[in-house]
């Protein structure tokens, strides 16, 4: 169960990183502090969860590091990845135990200061009773990273900083 959870978290991290980083190429988003809001809906049952907002300090090198790490997750492959105008599309397939996760993600970039992402994941067969997850994420540029934060560090809703930099 621990490996399933870790792989699922890394696959999710890939989609979140894609929302901010856009590995497929231009347009590059501003480096600095970003606010990330996300919500998931799990089915069956239409179980909605709004995640606490986080602020993350990022730069292009850190974005690439996270995407490279996510692409190396055992059992996960990027089926396709493309940029069409201001829209970034990713299809991801992961196998966790006996379950296959098929994810289609769309991120719409708004200049270099905002992005909106939606992903749709199907689980075949169901994993922990889940057959589908829909994730919505919004990323917004806030400005320069505050003193004491470096790329990869995040600030939780309560203001505490979790150091994740030094990649």
Protein backbone atom coordinates (compact mmCIF):
# COMPACT_ATOMS: atom_id res chain seq x y z
CA UNK A 1 0.00 0.00 0.00
CA UNK A 2 2.87 2.38 0.77
CA UNK A 3 4.34 1.96 -2.74
CA UNK A 4 0.90 2.52 -4.31
CA UNK A 5 0.51 5.72 -2.34
CA UNK A 6 4.01 6.96 -3.22
CA UNK A 7 3.58 6.24 -6.94
CA UNK A 8 0.16 7.88 -6.99
CA UNK A 9 1.57 10.94 -5.21
CA UNK A 10 4.43 11.23 -7.70
CA UNK A 11 2.04 10.84 -10.65
CA UNK A 12 -0.11 13.58 -9.13
CA UNK A 13 3.01 15.70 -8.58
CA UNK A 14 3.78 15.34 -12.29
CA UNK A 15 0.37 16.75 -13.19
CA UNK A 16 0.73 19.60 -10.72
CA UNK A 17 4.22 20.35 -11.97
CA UNK A 18 2.86 20.36 -15.51
CA UNK A 19 0.29 22.92 -14.44
CA UNK A 20 3.08 25.24 -13.38
CA UNK A 21 6.08 24.19 -15.45
CA UNK A 22 4.81 23.32 -18.92
CA UNK A 23 7.55 20.86 -19.82
CA UNK A 24 6.46 20.82 -23.43
CA UNK A 25 8.04 24.18 -24.06
CA UNK A 26 7.09 27.83 -24.39
CA UNK A 27 5.63 29.94 -23.09
CA UNK A 28 7.83 29.96 -20.01
CA UNK A 29 6.12 31.05 -16.84
CA UNK A 30 7.63 33.60 -14.47
CA UNK A 31 10.03 32.34 -11.87
CA UNK A 32 9.16 33.22 -8.29
CA UNK A 33 6.39 32.61 -5.78
CA UNK A 34 3.21 30.93 -7.04
CA UNK A 35 -0.10 30.21 -5.34
CA UNK A 36 -1.55 26.79 -6.11
CA UNK A 37 -5.19 25.91 -5.41
CA UNK A 38 -6.53 22.45 -6.20
CA UNK A 39 -9.64 20.38 -5.85
CA UNK A 40 -10.32 16.72 -6.54
CA UNK A 41 -13.49 14.75 -7.16
CA UNK A 42 -13.34 10.98 -6.62
CA UNK A 43 -15.88 8.54 -7.99
CA UNK A 44 -17.99 6.65 -7.37
CA UNK A 45 -19.74 8.94 -4.95
CA UNK A 46 -18.74 12.36 -6.31
CA UNK A 47 -16.49 12.86 -3.23
CA UNK A 48 -15.14 16.40 -3.41
CA UNK A 49 -12.03 17.55 -1.61
CA UNK A 50 -10.66 21.08 -1.66
CA UNK A 51 -6.97 21.00 -0.76
CA UNK A 52 -5.43 23.77 1.36
CA UNK A 53 -3.75 26.36 -0.85
CA UNK A 54 0.03 26.30 -0.99
CA UNK A 55 2.61 28.80 -2.14
CA UNK A 56 5.64 27.40 -3.92
CA UNK A 57 8.89 29.07 -4.86
CA UNK A 58 9.91 27.83 -8.30
CA UNK A 59 12.32 28.43 -11.13
CA UNK A 60 12.77 26.73 -14.48
CA UNK A 61 15.57 24.45 -13.24
CA UNK A 62 13.44 23.19 -10.34
CA UNK A 63 10.44 22.66 -12.66
CA UNK A 64 12.60 20.52 -14.94
CA UNK A 65 13.98 18.58 -11.98
CA UNK A 66 10.47 17.70 -10.74
CA UNK A 67 9.27 16.72 -14.20
CA UNK A 68 12.35 14.59 -14.85
CA UNK A 69 11.84 12.86 -11.49
CA UNK A 70 8.14 12.27 -12.16
CA UNK A 71 8.84 10.83 -15.61
CA UNK A 72 11.13 8.21 -14.05
CA UNK A 73 8.50 6.72 -11.72
CA UNK A 74 8.48 2.94 -12.20
CA UNK A 75 5.33 1.86 -13.97
CA UNK A 76 4.52 5.33 -15.35
CA UNK A 77 4.96 6.53 -18.90
CA UNK A 78 4.06 9.70 -20.75
CA UNK A 79 1.91 8.53 -23.65
CA UNK A 80 1.80 11.94 -25.32
CA UNK A 81 2.70 15.52 -24.54
CA UNK A 82 2.06 18.57 -26.71
CA UNK A 83 1.60 22.33 -26.71
CA UNK A 84 -1.13 23.83 -28.89
CA UNK A 85 -1.24 27.59 -28.62
CA UNK A 86 -1.82 28.35 -24.94
CA UNK A 87 -2.92 24.78 -24.13
CA UNK A 88 -0.61 22.04 -22.85
CA UNK A 89 -1.87 18.44 -23.18
CA UNK A 90 -0.46 15.37 -21.41
CA UNK A 91 -1.59 11.74 -21.45
CA UNK A 92 -0.03 9.66 -18.70
CA UNK A 93 -0.32 5.93 -18.00
CA UNK A 94 0.74 4.30 -14.75
CA UNK A 95 0.47 0.74 -13.51
CA UNK A 96 0.26 0.40 -9.75
CA UNK A 97 -0.05 -3.20 -8.68
CA UNK A 98 -2.85 -4.62 -10.81
CA UNK A 99 -4.43 -1.23 -11.51
CA UNK A 100 -3.81 0.92 -14.57
CA UNK A 101 -4.26 4.67 -14.25
CA UNK A 102 -5.00 6.49 -17.49
CA UNK A 103 -4.75 10.26 -17.07
CA UNK A 104 -5.55 12.99 -19.57
CA UNK A 105 -4.51 16.46 -18.47
CA UNK A 106 -5.12 19.86 -20.03
CA UNK A 107 -3.45 23.05 -18.84
CA UNK A 108 -4.39 26.46 -20.21
CA UNK A 109 -1.76 29.14 -19.75
CA UNK A 110 -2.81 32.73 -19.17
CA UNK A 111 0.22 34.75 -20.23
CA UNK A 112 3.22 33.96 -18.04
CA UNK A 113 1.45 34.65 -14.73
CA UNK A 114 -1.36 32.09 -14.42
CA UNK A 115 -2.43 28.60 -15.48
CA UNK A 116 -5.55 26.47 -15.06
CA UNK A 117 -5.31 22.69 -15.21
CA UNK A 118 -7.81 19.87 -15.36
CA UNK A 119 -6.98 16.18 -15.30
CA UNK A 120 -9.14 13.13 -15.58
CA UNK A 121 -7.85 9.77 -14.29
CA UNK A 122 -9.55 6.40 -14.79
CA UNK A 123 -8.57 3.41 -12.61
CA UNK A 124 -8.87 -0.05 -14.20
CA UNK A 125 -9.76 -2.00 -12.10
CA UNK A 126 -10.77 0.29 -9.23
CA UNK A 127 -8.09 1.20 -6.68
CA UNK A 128 -9.20 1.43 -3.05
CA UNK A 129 -12.77 1.63 -4.38
CA UNK A 130 -11.91 4.54 -6.70
CA UNK A 131 -12.72 4.32 -10.41
CA UNK A 132 -12.10 7.94 -11.36
CA UNK A 133 -10.46 11.12 -10.11
CA UNK A 134 -10.95 14.56 -11.60
CA UNK A 135 -8.49 17.23 -10.47
CA UNK A 136 -8.72 20.98 -10.99
CA UNK A 137 -5.76 23.22 -10.25
CA UNK A 138 -5.14 26.93 -10.56
CA UNK A 139 -1.70 28.48 -10.33
CA UNK A 140 -1.11 32.22 -10.03
CA UNK A 141 2.13 34.18 -9.92
CA UNK A 142 2.47 36.25 -6.74
CA UNK A 143 5.90 37.88 -7.15
CA UNK A 144 9.43 37.21 -6.01
CA UNK A 145 10.13 34.45 -3.53
CA UNK A 146 10.45 35.81 0.01
CA UNK A 147 13.80 35.85 1.80
CA UNK A 148 14.54 32.41 3.20
CA UNK A 149 12.73 30.55 0.41
CA UNK A 150 14.48 28.96 -2.54
CA UNK A 151 13.08 27.07 -5.55
CA UNK A 152 11.31 23.94 -4.37
CA UNK A 153 10.35 25.38 -0.99
CA UNK A 154 6.66 25.67 -0.24
CA UNK A 155 4.62 27.66 2.23
CA UNK A 156 1.55 26.00 3.67
CA UNK A 157 -1.70 27.85 4.40
CA UNK A 158 -0.56 28.40 8.01
CA UNK A 159 2.63 30.17 6.81
CA UNK A 160 5.08 27.42 7.69
CA UNK A 161 7.84 26.84 5.14
CA UNK A 162 8.76 23.33 4.05
CA UNK A 163 12.21 23.29 2.49
CA UNK A 164 12.22 21.11 -0.61
CA UNK A 165 14.88 22.91 -2.60
CA UNK A 166 18.52 21.96 -3.05
CA UNK A 167 17.87 19.80 -6.07
